[in-house]
């Protein structure tokens, strides 16, 4: 479970669409506070999903090869196949006309902190979040290691946002320049990054779930 949560958390942390959106939020007027609202809402979603799963399981993992255990592995397999299809589809699709980010920047420059918070749940990669939820089914809260793994999962999945937020607070001028460069890179390489994250995460989930279903 620990390895699965770590790798899923990393995939969520580097997911290009959410990272790009957060950079735009930080670039807006009052971006530091809006970014903080975004992070709080982002973490709130993770806590809500984890709480729902743990309430369902009672904090006890299902027995191996039991219907709940098999269902969790089947869900991860389906998500993995979906990510592979998504990555392959985006790889095969011809690049289309790219929108200028100017309009989006103008809109984000006027959003409130509440709106920034509302964007966080919408921009989470819910396929990966669902894969994390299916993995959490195996958590045993009677062991401290499981609790630590869950906390680490939330921190890892939010690490890129936290790093950018802290950097902006400590060195706003430098952060403005570097985050601008990151935004430009993401706008140029977003398709390649999406394909890479989807294919790597999909292959991992498919391999792990097949192993769990057949072992």
Protein backbone atom coordinates (compact mmCIF):
# COMPACT_ATOMS: atom_id res chain seq x y z
CA UNK A 1 0.00 0.00 0.00
CA UNK A 2 2.77 2.45 0.91
CA UNK A 3 4.52 2.23 -2.48
CA UNK A 4 1.21 2.60 -4.30
CA UNK A 5 0.26 5.71 -2.33
CA UNK A 6 3.69 7.30 -2.80
CA UNK A 7 3.67 6.85 -6.58
CA UNK A 8 0.03 7.93 -6.93
CA UNK A 9 0.79 10.97 -4.76
CA UNK A 10 3.75 11.91 -6.97
CA UNK A 11 1.59 11.59 -10.10
CA UNK A 12 -1.03 13.88 -8.55
CA UNK A 13 1.63 16.40 -7.48
CA UNK A 14 3.07 16.76 -10.98
CA UNK A 15 -0.22 16.59 -12.89
CA UNK A 16 0.26 19.40 -15.46
CA UNK A 17 -3.26 20.84 -15.54
CA UNK A 18 -3.52 21.46 -11.81
CA UNK A 19 0.06 22.76 -11.58
CA UNK A 20 -0.55 25.20 -14.45
CA UNK A 21 -3.77 26.45 -12.87
CA UNK A 22 -2.06 26.98 -9.52
CA UNK A 23 0.75 28.96 -11.15
CA UNK A 24 -1.90 31.20 -12.71
CA UNK A 25 -3.61 31.64 -9.32
CA UNK A 26 -0.30 32.64 -7.72
CA UNK A 27 0.36 35.10 -10.55
CA UNK A 28 -2.88 36.99 -9.87
CA UNK A 29 -3.20 40.00 -7.57
CA UNK A 30 -3.17 38.76 -3.99
CA UNK A 31 -2.03 35.40 -5.36
CA UNK A 32 -0.41 34.28 -2.10
CA UNK A 33 -3.72 34.31 -0.22
CA UNK A 34 -5.63 32.89 -3.16
CA UNK A 35 -3.03 30.13 -3.45
CA UNK A 36 -3.44 29.35 0.24
CA UNK A 37 -7.21 29.09 -0.20
CA UNK A 38 -6.63 26.76 -3.17
CA UNK A 39 -4.34 24.51 -1.09
CA UNK A 40 -6.75 24.36 1.87
CA UNK A 41 -9.60 23.29 -0.43
CA UNK A 42 -7.30 20.83 -2.24
CA UNK A 43 -6.30 19.19 1.04
CA UNK A 44 -9.88 19.26 2.25
CA UNK A 45 -10.91 17.09 -0.72
CA UNK A 46 -8.20 14.55 0.09
CA UNK A 47 -9.23 14.39 3.73
CA UNK A 48 -12.90 14.01 2.77
CA UNK A 49 -12.16 11.16 0.34
CA UNK A 50 -9.91 9.37 2.83
CA UNK A 51 -12.44 9.81 5.63
CA UNK A 52 -15.22 8.38 3.46
CA UNK A 53 -13.14 5.30 2.60
CA UNK A 54 -12.00 4.73 6.19
CA UNK A 55 -15.53 5.13 7.52
CA UNK A 56 -16.66 2.51 5.02
CA UNK A 57 -13.93 0.02 5.94
CA UNK A 58 -13.86 0.88 9.65
CA UNK A 59 -10.11 1.34 9.37
CA UNK A 60 -9.64 -2.40 8.85
CA UNK A 61 -8.39 -3.81 5.54
CA UNK A 62 -10.58 -6.48 3.91
CA UNK A 63 -9.30 -10.03 3.87
CA UNK A 64 -7.24 -11.00 0.79
CA UNK A 65 -9.39 -12.30 -2.08
CA UNK A 66 -12.55 -11.15 -0.32
CA UNK A 67 -15.15 -9.32 -2.47
CA UNK A 68 -14.16 -5.84 -1.15
CA UNK A 69 -10.46 -6.54 -1.73
CA UNK A 70 -11.11 -7.87 -5.23
CA UNK A 71 -13.38 -4.91 -6.01
CA UNK A 72 -10.70 -2.41 -4.92
CA UNK A 73 -8.10 -4.08 -7.15
CA UNK A 74 -10.59 -4.19 -10.04
CA UNK A 75 -11.26 -0.46 -9.64
CA UNK A 76 -7.53 0.27 -9.77
CA UNK A 77 -7.22 -1.92 -12.85
CA UNK A 78 -10.06 -0.05 -14.57
CA UNK A 79 -8.51 3.32 -13.68
CA UNK A 80 -5.12 2.15 -14.95
CA UNK A 81 -6.62 1.03 -18.26
CA UNK A 82 -8.47 4.34 -18.48
CA UNK A 83 -5.24 6.30 -17.92
CA UNK A 84 -3.45 4.25 -20.59
CA UNK A 85 -6.26 4.96 -23.04
CA UNK A 86 -6.25 8.66 -22.13
CA UNK A 87 -2.47 8.93 -22.59
CA UNK A 88 -2.54 7.05 -25.89
CA UNK A 89 -5.50 9.10 -27.13
CA UNK A 90 -3.76 12.40 -26.36
CA UNK A 91 -0.55 11.10 -27.94
CA UNK A 92 -2.32 10.16 -31.16
CA UNK A 93 -4.45 13.31 -31.31
CA UNK A 94 -3.10 16.03 -33.55
CA UNK A 95 -2.28 19.30 -31.77
CA UNK A 96 -5.08 21.78 -32.14
CA UNK A 97 -5.19 25.54 -31.94
CA UNK A 98 -3.86 26.56 -28.56
CA UNK A 99 -5.73 29.23 -26.61
CA UNK A 100 -3.85 32.25 -25.49
CA UNK A 101 -3.49 32.34 -21.70
CA UNK A 102 -4.11 36.08 -21.64
CA UNK A 103 -7.87 35.75 -21.22
CA UNK A 104 -7.49 33.21 -18.45
CA UNK A 105 -4.96 35.42 -16.66
CA UNK A 106 -7.36 38.36 -16.86
CA UNK A 107 -10.16 36.29 -15.33
CA UNK A 108 -7.97 34.79 -12.61
CA UNK A 109 -6.69 38.25 -11.73
CA UNK A 110 -10.21 39.16 -10.64
CA UNK A 111 -11.26 35.99 -8.80
CA UNK A 112 -11.74 35.98 -5.05
CA UNK A 113 -10.15 33.63 -2.57
CA UNK A 114 -13.44 31.72 -2.38
CA UNK A 115 -13.41 31.20 -6.13
CA UNK A 116 -9.80 30.00 -5.98
CA UNK A 117 -10.84 27.52 -3.30
CA UNK A 118 -13.72 26.36 -5.50
CA UNK A 119 -11.33 25.71 -8.39
CA UNK A 120 -9.22 23.24 -6.39
CA UNK A 121 -11.71 20.33 -6.36
CA UNK A 122 -12.50 20.89 -10.05
CA UNK A 123 -8.84 20.75 -11.07
CA UNK A 124 -7.81 17.67 -9.12
CA UNK A 125 -6.97 14.64 -11.29
CA UNK A 126 -9.93 12.63 -10.03
CA UNK A 127 -8.89 9.44 -11.78
CA UNK A 128 -5.69 9.37 -9.73
CA UNK A 129 -7.55 10.47 -6.59
CA UNK A 130 -9.93 7.54 -7.10
CA UNK A 131 -6.97 5.20 -7.51
CA UNK A 132 -5.60 6.49 -4.21
CA UNK A 133 -8.99 5.91 -2.57
CA UNK A 134 -9.05 2.32 -3.84
CA UNK A 135 -5.59 1.83 -2.38
CA UNK A 136 -6.60 3.28 1.00
CA UNK A 137 -9.13 0.44 1.31
CA UNK A 138 -6.15 -1.63 2.45
CA UNK A 139 -5.21 0.76 5.28
CA UNK A 140 -5.14 -0.66 8.80
CA UNK A 141 -5.43 2.18 11.30
CA UNK A 142 -4.45 -0.13 14.15
CA UNK A 143 -0.89 0.18 12.81
CA UNK A 144 0.90 3.52 13.07
CA UNK A 145 2.61 2.91 9.73
CA UNK A 146 -0.74 3.08 7.92
CA UNK A 147 -1.60 6.42 9.52
CA UNK A 148 1.83 7.78 8.60
CA UNK A 149 1.39 6.53 5.03
CA UNK A 150 -1.94 8.33 4.71
CA UNK A 151 -0.50 11.60 5.99
CA UNK A 152 2.51 11.22 3.70
CA UNK A 153 0.19 10.57 0.76
CA UNK A 154 -1.67 13.84 1.35
CA UNK A 155 1.59 15.78 1.76
CA UNK A 156 3.21 14.26 -1.34
CA UNK A 157 0.12 14.89 -3.48
CA UNK A 158 0.16 18.55 -2.36
CA UNK A 159 3.94 18.99 -2.33
CA UNK A 160 4.26 20.88 -5.62
CA UNK A 161 1.58 23.38 -4.58
CA UNK A 162 3.09 23.79 -1.11
CA UNK A 163 6.56 24.35 -2.57
CA UNK A 164 5.32 27.06 -4.93
CA UNK A 165 3.26 28.72 -2.19
CA UNK A 166 6.17 28.83 0.29
CA UNK A 167 8.57 30.05 -2.42
CA UNK A 168 6.17 32.86 -3.33
CA UNK A 169 5.83 33.90 0.32
CA UNK A 170 9.58 33.89 1.03
CA UNK A 171 10.91 35.31 -2.25
CA UNK A 172 8.05 36.94 -4.20
CA UNK A 173 10.22 38.69 -6.81
CA UNK A 174 12.30 35.63 -7.60
CA UNK A 175 9.22 33.39 -7.53
CA UNK A 176 7.42 35.65 -9.99
CA UNK A 177 10.23 35.20 -12.51
CA UNK A 178 10.73 31.47 -11.99
CA UNK A 179 7.03 30.62 -11.91
CA UNK A 180 6.59 32.64 -15.09
CA UNK A 181 9.24 30.45 -16.70
CA UNK A 182 7.52 27.32 -15.38
CA UNK A 183 4.20 28.51 -16.79
CA UNK A 184 5.79 29.08 -20.20
CA UNK A 185 7.37 25.61 -20.14
CA UNK A 186 4.08 23.98 -19.15
CA UNK A 187 2.19 25.80 -21.89
CA UNK A 188 4.73 24.50 -24.41
CA UNK A 189 5.08 20.93 -23.11
CA UNK A 190 1.72 20.33 -21.44
CA UNK A 191 0.60 17.65 -23.91
CA UNK A 192 3.83 15.66 -23.57
CA UNK A 193 3.70 15.94 -19.78
CA UNK A 194 0.07 14.79 -19.65
CA UNK A 195 0.84 11.80 -21.84
CA UNK A 196 3.88 10.83 -19.77
CA UNK A 197 2.07 11.08 -16.42
CA UNK A 198 -0.99 9.20 -17.70
CA UNK A 199 1.02 6.37 -19.29
CA UNK A 200 3.41 5.88 -16.37
CA UNK A 201 0.63 5.96 -13.76
CA UNK A 202 -1.57 3.73 -15.92
CA UNK A 203 1.14 1.11 -16.42
CA UNK A 204 1.88 1.06 -12.70
CA UNK A 205 -1.77 0.69 -11.70
CA UNK A 206 -2.43 -2.02 -14.26
CA UNK A 207 0.65 -3.99 -13.22
CA UNK A 208 -0.04 -3.71 -9.50
CA UNK A 209 -3.74 -4.54 -9.76
CA UNK A 210 -3.12 -7.57 -11.97
CA UNK A 211 -0.54 -8.80 -9.47
CA UNK A 212 -3.00 -8.30 -6.59
CA UNK A 213 -5.81 -10.05 -8.46
CA UNK A 214 -3.72 -13.07 -9.44
CA UNK A 215 -1.54 -13.55 -6.35
